[in-house]
Amino acid sequence: MASRASHSSSANSVQPWDAFDTGWYLTHNYGTLRDDDQEIIHRTGDHFAATCGGAGRGIDVGTGANLYPALTMLPYCEELTLSDRASSNVDWLRREVMDYSALWDRYWAELAGKGRYSPVVDPRAALARVATVRQGDIFRLPAARWDIGTMFFVAESLSSERAEFELAVAKFVCCLVPGAPFAAAFMAHSHGYLVGDRTFPAVAIGVDDVARSLEGIAHNVHITKIATTAPLRQGYDGMILVLGHAGATAPGGEGRR
């Protein structure tokens, strides 16, 4: 579930995810291409273009109503799993990936001129061909299965428990094979968020918290704070983008930096 007001401490397991208002979230968060999302798309596309080899198996964890992480992986996947816990998001995704709406054309246009994105003349058909939507729990992801991965606005936005944030990050990174490139994004210092008429919790994390959560499980990690002149909502302080590779060390033994 991809997630971006205040909430008492509560675990992920007690949240009303199946009542998540996907349509409201889509319109509010992605109806217009924002400058911060635009920067994230460009940085992620460049990262994958510089680090990905042949086509493999990809995963987007907690997709929610956001297709742009999947689009950044599209040229590099012969199989692409879109995983989410909320049944409302899963139902929407199963319809959307078969012939995604024109809303996503402006997002794809940010990638279309880059390297291996250029030859993808029909991204709608390409996504419909490779994507599989699965309802699943981030805490039950299998280890070392996928060759490339994304997780955007999920780990900090599934509960108010710091331990669950850290576990979610670890489960995401460790579901990738060692050396696999990944991109992850977080809302910085979020105090929770409103979706329709429901409030969902968050963990108020910063750059240092994200860096610590990746120690010993990722290498070649680059963390960028993404600012905007027009905040999406109140109660957060920009976005954090992480680009890196799974595993404590690179295949040749290079450590995390």
Protein backbone atom coordinates (compact mmCIF):
# COMPACT_ATOMS: atom_id res chain seq x y z
CA MET A 1 0.00 0.00 0.00
CA ALA A 2 1.51 3.29 -1.03
CA SER A 3 0.83 5.93 1.58
CA ARG A 4 1.46 9.54 2.05
CA ALA A 5 -3.09 14.12 9.91
CA SER A 6 -2.48 12.93 14.12
CA HIS A 7 -3.11 9.39 15.33
CA SER A 8 -2.58 7.43 18.53
CA SER A 9 0.00 4.66 18.49
CA SER A 10 -1.37 1.72 16.56
CA ALA A 11 -0.01 -1.25 14.69
CA ASN A 12 -0.39 -2.02 11.03
CA SER A 13 -2.54 -5.08 11.76
CA VAL A 14 -5.42 -3.03 13.22
CA GLN A 15 -5.69 -0.45 10.43
CA PRO A 16 -8.81 -0.53 8.16
CA TRP A 17 -6.82 -1.11 4.96
CA ASP A 18 -9.71 -2.69 3.06
CA ALA A 19 -11.64 0.58 3.50
CA PHE A 20 -8.81 2.59 1.93
CA ASP A 21 -10.35 5.09 -0.52
CA THR A 22 -8.24 4.41 -3.60
CA GLY A 23 -10.04 6.88 -5.86
CA TRP A 24 -9.67 9.75 -3.39
CA TYR A 25 -6.01 8.96 -2.88
CA LEU A 26 -5.33 8.72 -6.61
CA THR A 27 -6.91 12.10 -7.37
CA HIS A 28 -5.36 13.88 -4.39
CA ASN A 29 -1.85 12.49 -4.76
CA TYR A 30 -1.37 11.82 -8.47
CA GLY A 31 -4.07 13.72 -10.38
CA THR A 32 -1.38 16.30 -11.16
CA LEU A 33 2.30 15.52 -11.70
CA ARG A 34 4.06 17.28 -8.84
CA ASP A 35 7.60 18.65 -8.91
CA ASP A 36 8.77 16.30 -6.14
CA ASP A 37 7.39 13.21 -7.87
CA GLN A 38 8.94 14.43 -11.11
CA GLU A 39 12.37 14.60 -9.48
CA ILE A 40 11.92 11.17 -7.94
CA ILE A 41 10.96 9.69 -11.32
CA HIS A 42 14.04 11.16 -13.03
CA ARG A 43 16.45 10.07 -10.31
CA THR A 44 14.98 6.57 -10.16
CA GLY A 45 14.99 6.19 -13.93
CA ASP A 46 18.62 7.27 -14.10
CA HIS A 47 19.56 4.86 -11.29
CA PHE A 48 17.99 1.88 -13.02
CA ALA A 49 19.39 2.88 -16.40
CA ALA A 50 22.88 2.97 -14.90
CA THR A 51 22.66 -0.25 -12.90
CA CYS A 52 20.27 -2.71 -14.53
CA GLY A 53 21.38 -5.48 -16.85
CA GLY A 54 19.00 -7.82 -18.63
CA ALA A 55 15.31 -8.29 -17.99
CA GLY A 56 14.38 -10.07 -14.78
CA ARG A 57 11.75 -10.27 -12.07
CA GLY A 58 10.62 -7.01 -10.47
CA ILE A 59 8.43 -6.09 -7.52
CA ASP A 60 6.74 -2.91 -6.36
CA VAL A 61 5.83 -3.28 -2.70
CA GLY A 62 2.73 -1.42 -1.52
CA THR A 63 1.73 -0.12 -4.93
CA GLY A 64 -1.56 1.42 -3.83
CA ALA A 65 -2.83 3.93 -6.41
CA ASN A 66 0.63 4.76 -7.74
CA LEU A 67 1.80 3.27 -11.04
CA TYR A 68 4.90 5.37 -11.59
CA PRO A 69 7.27 3.12 -9.61
CA ALA A 70 6.19 0.23 -11.83
CA LEU A 71 6.79 2.35 -14.92
CA THR A 72 10.36 3.08 -13.80
CA MET A 73 11.03 -0.68 -13.77
CA LEU A 74 9.13 -1.53 -16.95
CA PRO A 75 12.04 -1.96 -19.43
CA TYR A 76 13.91 -4.17 -16.98
CA CYS A 77 11.21 -6.72 -16.14
CA GLU A 78 9.96 -9.82 -17.84
CA GLU A 79 7.75 -10.29 -14.77
CA LEU A 80 6.57 -7.46 -12.52
CA THR A 81 4.67 -8.10 -9.29
CA LEU A 82 2.55 -5.28 -7.86
CA SER A 83 1.85 -6.14 -4.22
CA ASP A 84 -0.61 -4.45 -1.87
CA ARG A 85 -2.49 -5.37 1.29
CA ALA A 86 -5.69 -3.31 0.81
CA SER A 87 -8.39 -5.11 -1.18
CA SER A 88 -9.64 -1.77 -2.54
CA ASN A 89 -6.19 -1.03 -3.96
CA VAL A 90 -5.82 -4.55 -5.35
CA ASP A 91 -9.19 -4.34 -7.13
CA TRP A 92 -8.25 -1.00 -8.67
CA LEU A 93 -4.80 -2.22 -9.72
CA ARG A 94 -6.16 -5.32 -11.46
CA ARG A 95 -8.32 -3.10 -13.63
CA GLU A 96 -5.78 -0.34 -14.12
CA VAL A 97 -2.79 -2.40 -15.26
CA MET A 98 -4.76 -3.93 -18.12
CA ASP A 99 -5.08 -0.54 -19.86
CA TYR A 100 -3.93 2.27 -17.61
CA SER A 101 -5.63 5.66 -17.72
CA ALA A 102 -4.35 8.74 -19.54
CA LEU A 103 -3.34 10.20 -16.19
CA TRP A 104 -0.15 8.13 -16.30
CA ASP A 105 0.92 9.35 -19.77
CA ARG A 106 2.51 12.48 -18.25
CA TYR A 107 4.46 10.29 -15.82
CA TRP A 108 5.72 8.00 -18.57
CA ALA A 109 6.73 11.06 -20.60
CA GLU A 110 9.32 11.85 -17.90
CA LEU A 111 11.02 8.53 -18.70
CA ALA A 112 10.37 8.06 -22.40
CA GLY A 113 13.53 9.76 -23.65
CA LYS A 114 15.93 7.86 -21.39
CA GLY A 115 18.02 4.89 -22.55
CA ARG A 116 16.07 1.65 -22.47
CA TYR A 117 12.79 3.48 -21.91
CA SER A 118 12.90 4.91 -25.45
CA PRO A 119 12.28 1.61 -27.29
CA VAL A 120 9.10 0.96 -25.26
CA VAL A 121 6.66 2.29 -27.83
CA ASP A 122 3.50 1.04 -26.05
CA PRO A 123 4.02 1.13 -22.27
CA ARG A 124 0.34 0.28 -21.67
CA ALA A 125 0.64 -2.98 -23.52
CA ALA A 126 4.03 -3.67 -21.96
CA LEU A 127 2.70 -3.21 -18.43
CA ALA A 128 -0.37 -5.35 -19.12
CA ARG A 129 1.91 -8.08 -20.45
CA VAL A 130 4.36 -8.30 -17.55
CA ALA A 131 2.37 -7.16 -14.50
CA THR A 132 0.74 -9.43 -11.93
CA VAL A 133 -1.22 -7.90 -9.06
CA ARG A 134 -1.08 -9.79 -5.76
CA GLN A 135 -2.68 -9.07 -2.42
CA GLY A 136 -0.02 -9.54 0.21
CA ASP A 137 1.52 -8.48 3.51
CA ILE A 138 4.89 -6.72 3.43
CA PHE A 139 5.89 -8.56 6.60
CA ARG A 140 5.50 -11.90 4.81
CA LEU A 141 7.57 -11.21 1.71
CA PRO A 142 9.81 -14.14 0.76
CA ALA A 143 13.56 -13.62 0.80
CA ALA A 144 15.83 -13.16 -2.22
CA ARG A 145 13.22 -13.61 -4.95
CA TRP A 146 13.23 -10.45 -7.11
CA ASP A 147 15.93 -8.83 -9.28
CA ILE A 148 14.80 -5.20 -9.03
CA GLY A 149 12.40 -3.46 -6.66
CA THR A 150 10.63 -0.30 -5.58
CA MET A 151 8.77 0.68 -2.40
CA PHE A 152 7.31 4.18 -2.36
CA PHE A 153 5.69 5.84 0.69
CA VAL A 154 4.97 2.57 2.48
CA ALA A 155 7.25 1.65 5.39
CA GLU A 156 6.74 4.89 7.31
CA SER A 157 3.01 5.01 6.51
CA LEU A 158 1.68 1.64 7.66
CA SER A 159 1.63 2.21 11.42
CA SER A 160 2.97 4.50 14.13
CA GLU A 161 5.35 1.82 15.40
CA ARG A 162 9.03 2.54 14.69
CA ALA A 163 9.84 -1.17 14.92
CA GLU A 164 7.35 -1.87 12.13
CA PHE A 165 8.94 0.81 9.96
CA GLU A 166 12.35 -0.80 10.41
CA LEU A 167 10.99 -4.30 9.79
CA ALA A 168 9.17 -3.17 6.64
CA VAL A 169 12.37 -1.68 5.22
CA ALA A 170 14.26 -4.87 5.99
CA LYS A 171 11.59 -7.11 4.48
CA PHE A 172 11.59 -5.05 1.29
CA VAL A 173 15.35 -5.01 0.80
CA CYS A 174 15.72 -8.67 1.75
CA CYS A 175 13.06 -9.80 -0.73
CA LEU A 176 15.56 -8.82 -3.44
CA VAL A 177 18.46 -10.98 -4.58
CA PRO A 178 21.87 -9.71 -3.41
CA GLY A 179 23.10 -6.96 -5.72
CA ALA A 180 19.62 -6.10 -7.02
CA PRO A 181 19.03 -2.38 -7.61
CA PHE A 182 16.20 -0.73 -5.72
CA ALA A 183 14.51 2.60 -5.12
CA ALA A 184 12.53 3.51 -2.02
CA ALA A 185 10.79 6.75 -1.06
CA PHE A 186 9.49 8.02 2.27
CA MET A 187 7.49 10.95 3.62
CA ALA A 188 9.81 12.83 5.98
CA HIS A 189 8.61 13.51 9.54
CA SER A 190 5.04 12.54 8.70
CA HIS A 191 2.48 12.79 11.51
CA GLY A 192 -0.15 10.70 9.73
CA TYR A 193 -2.38 11.34 6.76
CA LEU A 194 -6.01 11.61 5.73
CA VAL A 195 -7.53 9.43 3.00
CA GLY A 196 -11.13 10.43 2.35
CA ASP A 197 -12.72 10.57 5.80
CA ARG A 198 -10.23 8.20 7.47
CA THR A 199 -6.99 9.02 9.23
CA PHE A 200 -4.04 6.64 8.97
CA PRO A 201 -0.90 6.64 11.15
CA ALA A 202 2.74 7.21 10.28
CA VAL A 203 6.19 7.14 11.84
CA ALA A 204 7.99 10.50 11.85
CA ILE A 205 11.33 9.49 10.31
CA GLY A 206 14.18 11.51 8.83
CA VAL A 207 17.20 10.87 6.66
CA ASP A 208 19.26 9.45 9.53
CA ASP A 209 16.48 6.99 10.45
CA VAL A 210 16.33 5.75 6.88
CA ALA A 211 20.10 5.38 6.72
CA ARG A 212 20.16 3.35 9.95
CA SER A 213 17.36 1.08 8.72
CA LEU A 214 19.55 0.08 5.75
CA GLU A 215 22.75 -0.65 7.67
CA GLY A 216 23.98 -4.17 7.04
CA ILE A 217 21.35 -4.98 4.40
CA ALA A 218 22.16 -2.62 1.50
CA HIS A 219 25.22 -1.14 -0.22
CA ASN A 220 25.99 1.74 -2.62
CA VAL A 221 23.21 3.63 -0.87
CA HIS A 222 22.49 7.21 -1.93
CA ILE A 223 19.90 9.20 0.05
CA THR A 224 18.41 12.48 -1.20
CA LYS A 225 15.98 14.81 0.55
CA ILE A 226 13.42 15.98 -2.00
CA ALA A 227 11.90 19.42 -1.39
CA THR A 228 8.89 21.11 -2.94
CA THR A 229 7.51 24.65 -3.11
CA ALA A 230 3.93 23.33 -2.84
CA PRO A 231 3.50 20.69 -0.09
CA LEU A 232 1.03 17.92 -0.77
CA ARG A 233 -0.55 18.39 2.66
CA GLN A 234 0.25 19.55 6.17
CA GLY A 235 2.12 17.38 8.62
CA TYR A 236 5.29 16.31 6.80
CA ASP A 237 8.64 17.76 5.78
CA GLY A 238 9.44 16.78 2.21
CA MET A 239 10.28 13.39 0.77
CA ILE A 240 13.29 11.11 1.07
CA LEU A 241 14.53 9.06 -1.87
CA VAL A 242 16.90 6.13 -1.45
CA LEU A 243 18.70 4.50 -4.36
CA GLY A 244 20.87 1.47 -3.72
CA HIS A 245 21.52 -2.24 -4.06
CA ALA A 246 20.38 -5.11 -1.89
CA GLY A 247 22.87 -6.98 0.26
CA ALA A 248 25.48 -5.94 2.78
CA THR A 249 28.22 -5.96 0.14
CA ALA A 250 28.52 -5.88 -3.64
CA PRO A 251 29.43 -9.12 -5.48
CA GLY A 252 33.11 -8.09 -5.52
CA GLY A 253 33.07 -7.40 -1.80
CA GLU A 254 32.53 -3.64 -1.92
CA GLY A 255 30.84 -2.45 1.25
CA ARG A 256 28.03 -0.01 1.76
CA ARG A 257 28.92 3.64 1.38
